[in-house]
C-alpha cells in the first residue's frame, strides 16, 4: 500500500486516488525550496529550536564524562566492589 495512492478518508479508512495530478509541479515551486527565488538560492531560515553547541564545550563534555567514568571504575576497584578475574581460579 502506498500513501501516494491511498489517502486517509477521514473516517478511519483509506480512499484510493488514481490518476495524475497535472499541477503537481506547482507544489514544488515553494519559495522555501528556493525554486522561485532569483538564482534558485535557498533563503536563510532560522531554526529557533536549535542552539548549536560550541566545539570546545562539546569536547569538554566528553572529556569530563571520560574522567568521571574512569574515576567511578577506579573507585569501584579501590573499594573492592569489582575485582580482576584471576585466570584458573
N, C-alpha and C. Protein backbone atom coordinates (compact mmCIF):
# COMPACT_ATOMS: atom_id res chain seq x y z
N UNK A 1 0.84 -1.16 0.00
CA UNK A 1 0.00 0.00 0.00
C UNK A 1 0.90 1.24 0.00
N UNK A 2 0.56 2.18 -0.79
CA UNK A 2 1.32 3.42 -0.89
C UNK A 2 0.45 4.58 -0.47
N UNK A 3 0.99 5.45 0.38
CA UNK A 3 0.22 6.63 0.78
C UNK A 3 0.05 7.60 -0.37
N UNK A 4 0.83 7.41 -1.40
CA UNK A 4 0.67 8.27 -2.57
C UNK A 4 -0.63 7.93 -3.29
N UNK A 5 -1.03 6.67 -3.25
CA UNK A 5 -2.23 6.26 -3.95
C UNK A 5 -3.42 6.04 -3.02
N UNK A 6 -3.18 5.76 -1.76
CA UNK A 6 -4.23 5.51 -0.80
C UNK A 6 -4.11 6.55 0.32
N UNK A 7 -5.07 7.42 0.39
CA UNK A 7 -5.01 8.51 1.37
C UNK A 7 -6.12 8.33 2.40
N UNK A 8 -5.92 8.84 3.62
CA UNK A 8 -6.98 8.74 4.64
C UNK A 8 -8.26 9.41 4.17
N UNK A 9 -9.40 8.75 4.48
CA UNK A 9 -10.68 9.31 4.05
C UNK A 9 -11.36 10.11 5.15
N UNK A 10 -10.75 10.21 6.34
CA UNK A 10 -11.33 10.97 7.43
C UNK A 10 -12.27 10.16 8.29
N UNK A 11 -12.52 8.90 7.92
CA UNK A 11 -13.42 8.03 8.68
C UNK A 11 -12.67 6.81 9.23
N UNK A 12 -11.35 6.87 9.23
CA UNK A 12 -10.57 5.75 9.74
C UNK A 12 -10.15 4.77 8.67
N UNK A 13 -10.49 5.02 7.45
CA UNK A 13 -10.12 4.12 6.35
C UNK A 13 -9.27 4.85 5.33
N UNK A 14 -9.14 4.23 4.19
CA UNK A 14 -8.37 4.82 3.09
C UNK A 14 -9.24 4.91 1.86
N UNK A 15 -9.01 5.92 1.08
CA UNK A 15 -9.67 6.02 -0.22
C UNK A 15 -8.60 5.99 -1.30
N UNK A 16 -8.91 5.31 -2.35
CA UNK A 16 -7.96 5.15 -3.44
C UNK A 16 -8.07 6.36 -4.36
N UNK A 17 -6.95 6.97 -4.63
CA UNK A 17 -6.92 8.09 -5.57
C UNK A 17 -6.04 7.68 -6.73
N UNK A 18 -6.65 7.56 -7.85
CA UNK A 18 -5.90 7.19 -9.05
C UNK A 18 -5.85 8.38 -9.98
N UNK A 19 -5.00 8.30 -10.94
CA UNK A 19 -4.88 9.37 -11.91
C UNK A 19 -3.71 10.27 -11.59
N UNK A 20 -3.44 11.16 -12.50
CA UNK A 20 -2.32 12.07 -12.34
C UNK A 20 -2.80 13.46 -11.94
N UNK A 21 -2.03 14.11 -11.14
CA UNK A 21 -2.31 15.49 -10.77
C UNK A 21 -1.51 16.37 -11.73
N UNK A 22 -2.16 17.06 -12.64
CA UNK A 22 -1.41 17.85 -13.62
C UNK A 22 -0.68 19.04 -13.00
N UNK A 23 -1.05 19.43 -11.79
CA UNK A 23 -0.43 20.59 -11.17
C UNK A 23 0.54 20.18 -10.07
N UNK A 24 1.08 18.98 -10.12
CA UNK A 24 1.97 18.52 -9.04
C UNK A 24 3.25 19.33 -8.98
N UNK A 25 3.68 19.86 -10.11
CA UNK A 25 4.91 20.66 -10.09
C UNK A 25 4.72 22.00 -9.37
N UNK A 26 3.49 22.50 -9.35
CA UNK A 26 3.24 23.77 -8.65
C UNK A 26 3.50 23.64 -7.15
N UNK A 27 3.29 22.45 -6.60
CA UNK A 27 3.58 22.23 -5.19
C UNK A 27 5.06 22.26 -4.88
N UNK A 28 5.88 22.09 -5.90
CA UNK A 28 7.33 22.12 -5.71
C UNK A 28 7.89 23.52 -5.88
N UNK A 29 7.09 24.47 -6.26
CA UNK A 29 7.56 25.83 -6.54
C UNK A 29 7.51 26.70 -5.30
N UNK A 30 7.71 26.16 -4.16
CA UNK A 30 7.67 26.93 -2.93
C UNK A 30 8.93 27.77 -2.79
N UNK A 31 8.77 28.99 -2.28
CA UNK A 31 9.94 29.84 -2.06
C UNK A 31 10.84 29.24 -0.99
N UNK A 32 10.27 28.39 -0.17
CA UNK A 32 11.04 27.73 0.86
C UNK A 32 12.15 26.88 0.25
N UNK A 33 11.89 26.32 -0.90
CA UNK A 33 12.89 25.47 -1.56
C UNK A 33 13.78 26.27 -2.50
N UNK A 34 13.54 27.53 -2.65
CA UNK A 34 14.40 28.37 -3.47
C UNK A 34 14.09 28.32 -4.95
N UNK A 35 13.06 27.60 -5.34
CA UNK A 35 12.76 27.46 -6.76
C UNK A 35 12.28 28.78 -7.36
N UNK A 36 11.57 29.58 -6.59
CA UNK A 36 11.03 30.82 -7.13
C UNK A 36 11.92 32.03 -6.82
N UNK A 37 13.04 31.81 -6.14
CA UNK A 37 13.94 32.92 -5.83
C UNK A 37 14.91 33.16 -6.97
N UNK A 38 15.44 34.36 -7.04
CA UNK A 38 16.41 34.67 -8.08
C UNK A 38 17.65 33.81 -7.87
N UNK A 39 18.08 33.17 -8.92
CA UNK A 39 19.26 32.32 -8.85
C UNK A 39 18.97 30.96 -8.23
N UNK A 40 17.75 30.71 -7.81
CA UNK A 40 17.40 29.43 -7.21
C UNK A 40 18.11 29.16 -5.90
N UNK A 41 18.56 30.22 -5.23
CA UNK A 41 19.32 30.07 -3.99
C UNK A 41 18.36 29.98 -2.80
N UNK A 42 18.68 29.10 -1.87
CA UNK A 42 17.82 28.92 -0.70
C UNK A 42 17.90 30.12 0.22
N UNK A 43 16.77 30.49 0.84
CA UNK A 43 16.78 31.59 1.79
C UNK A 43 17.40 31.15 3.12
N UNK A 44 17.86 32.10 3.89
CA UNK A 44 18.37 31.81 5.23
C UNK A 44 17.18 31.65 6.16
N UNK A 45 17.00 30.44 6.66
CA UNK A 45 15.90 30.15 7.57
C UNK A 45 16.48 29.89 8.95
N UNK A 46 15.95 30.58 9.94
CA UNK A 46 16.43 30.34 11.30
C UNK A 46 15.73 29.13 11.87
N UNK A 47 16.39 28.48 12.79
CA UNK A 47 15.82 27.34 13.48
C UNK A 47 15.79 27.67 14.96
N UNK A 48 14.67 28.18 15.47
CA UNK A 48 14.62 28.61 16.87
C UNK A 48 14.74 27.46 17.87
N UNK A 49 14.57 26.22 17.41
CA UNK A 49 14.68 25.07 18.32
C UNK A 49 16.10 24.58 18.46
N UNK A 50 17.00 25.09 17.64
CA UNK A 50 18.37 24.59 17.63
C UNK A 50 19.33 25.68 18.09
N UNK A 51 20.03 25.44 19.16
CA UNK A 51 21.10 26.31 19.62
C UNK A 51 22.38 25.50 19.55
N UNK A 52 23.20 25.71 18.55
CA UNK A 52 24.38 24.87 18.37
C UNK A 52 25.34 24.97 19.55
N UNK A 53 25.93 23.85 19.88
CA UNK A 53 26.91 23.78 20.96
C UNK A 53 28.29 24.02 20.36
N UNK A 54 29.08 24.82 21.05
CA UNK A 54 30.42 25.10 20.54
C UNK A 54 31.27 23.84 20.61
N UNK A 55 32.29 23.78 19.76
CA UNK A 55 33.18 22.62 19.72
C UNK A 55 33.91 22.46 21.05
N UNK A 56 34.35 23.56 21.64
CA UNK A 56 35.07 23.49 22.91
C UNK A 56 34.18 22.91 24.01
N UNK A 57 32.93 23.33 24.06
CA UNK A 57 32.01 22.82 25.08
C UNK A 57 31.72 21.34 24.84
N UNK A 58 31.61 20.92 23.59
CA UNK A 58 31.38 19.51 23.28
C UNK A 58 32.57 18.65 23.72
N UNK A 59 33.77 19.10 23.39
CA UNK A 59 34.97 18.36 23.78
C UNK A 59 35.08 18.31 25.30
N UNK A 60 34.80 19.42 25.97
CA UNK A 60 34.86 19.46 27.43
C UNK A 60 33.86 18.48 28.04
N UNK A 61 32.68 18.38 27.47
CA UNK A 61 31.68 17.44 27.96
C UNK A 61 32.18 16.01 27.88
N UNK A 62 32.71 15.61 26.70
CA UNK A 62 33.15 14.22 26.53
C UNK A 62 34.38 13.91 27.38
N UNK A 63 35.27 14.88 27.53
CA UNK A 63 36.44 14.66 28.40
C UNK A 63 35.98 14.52 29.85
N UNK A 64 35.07 15.36 30.30
CA UNK A 64 34.56 15.26 31.67
C UNK A 64 33.84 13.93 31.88
N UNK A 65 33.07 13.49 30.91
CA UNK A 65 32.39 12.20 31.01
C UNK A 65 33.40 11.06 31.12
N UNK A 66 34.47 11.12 30.34
CA UNK A 66 35.51 10.09 30.40
C UNK A 66 36.20 10.10 31.76
N UNK A 67 36.51 11.27 32.29
CA UNK A 67 37.18 11.37 33.59
C UNK A 67 36.27 10.84 34.70
N UNK A 68 35.00 11.20 34.67
CA UNK A 68 34.06 10.71 35.69
C UNK A 68 33.92 9.19 35.61
N UNK A 69 33.82 8.66 34.40
CA UNK A 69 33.72 7.21 34.22
C UNK A 69 34.96 6.52 34.76
N UNK A 70 36.13 7.05 34.42
CA UNK A 70 37.39 6.48 34.92
C UNK A 70 37.43 6.52 36.44
N UNK A 71 37.00 7.63 37.03
CA UNK A 71 37.01 7.76 38.48
C UNK A 71 36.06 6.75 39.13
N UNK A 72 34.90 6.53 38.55
CA UNK A 72 33.96 5.56 39.09
C UNK A 72 34.52 4.15 39.02
N UNK A 73 35.13 3.81 37.89
CA UNK A 73 35.72 2.48 37.74
C UNK A 73 36.87 2.28 38.72
N UNK A 74 37.74 3.27 38.85
CA UNK A 74 38.86 3.15 39.78
C UNK A 74 38.38 3.09 41.23
N UNK A 75 37.35 3.86 41.57
CA UNK A 75 36.81 3.81 42.92
C UNK A 75 36.20 2.43 43.19
N UNK A 76 35.54 1.87 42.19
CA UNK A 76 34.95 0.55 42.36
C UNK A 76 36.00 -0.51 42.63
N UNK A 77 37.12 -0.46 41.90
CA UNK A 77 38.20 -1.42 42.16
C UNK A 77 38.87 -1.13 43.50
N UNK A 78 39.05 0.15 43.84
CA UNK A 78 39.70 0.51 45.09
C UNK A 78 38.88 0.12 46.32
N UNK A 79 37.56 0.19 46.23
CA UNK A 79 36.70 -0.16 47.35
C UNK A 79 36.35 -1.65 47.38
N UNK A 80 36.80 -2.39 46.37
CA UNK A 80 36.53 -3.83 46.32
C UNK A 80 35.16 -4.19 45.77
N UNK A 81 34.47 -3.23 45.18
CA UNK A 81 33.17 -3.52 44.57
C UNK A 81 33.37 -4.46 43.39
N UNK A 82 34.40 -4.16 42.59
CA UNK A 82 34.78 -5.02 41.48
C UNK A 82 36.16 -5.58 41.79
N UNK A 83 36.48 -6.68 41.12
CA UNK A 83 37.83 -7.23 41.25
C UNK A 83 38.22 -7.85 39.93
N UNK A 84 39.52 -7.92 39.70
CA UNK A 84 40.02 -8.52 38.47
C UNK A 84 39.85 -10.02 38.54
N UNK A 85 39.46 -10.60 37.42
CA UNK A 85 39.30 -12.06 37.38
C UNK A 85 40.68 -12.70 37.37
N UNK A 86 40.84 -13.74 38.16
CA UNK A 86 42.11 -14.47 38.22
C UNK A 86 41.95 -15.71 37.33
N UNK A 87 42.78 -15.81 36.29
CA UNK A 87 42.63 -16.97 35.41
C UNK A 87 42.94 -18.28 36.15
N UNK A 88 42.13 -19.28 35.93
CA UNK A 88 42.34 -20.59 36.53
C UNK A 88 41.87 -20.71 37.96
N UNK A 89 41.21 -19.71 38.48
CA UNK A 89 40.78 -19.79 39.88
C UNK A 89 39.32 -20.08 40.01
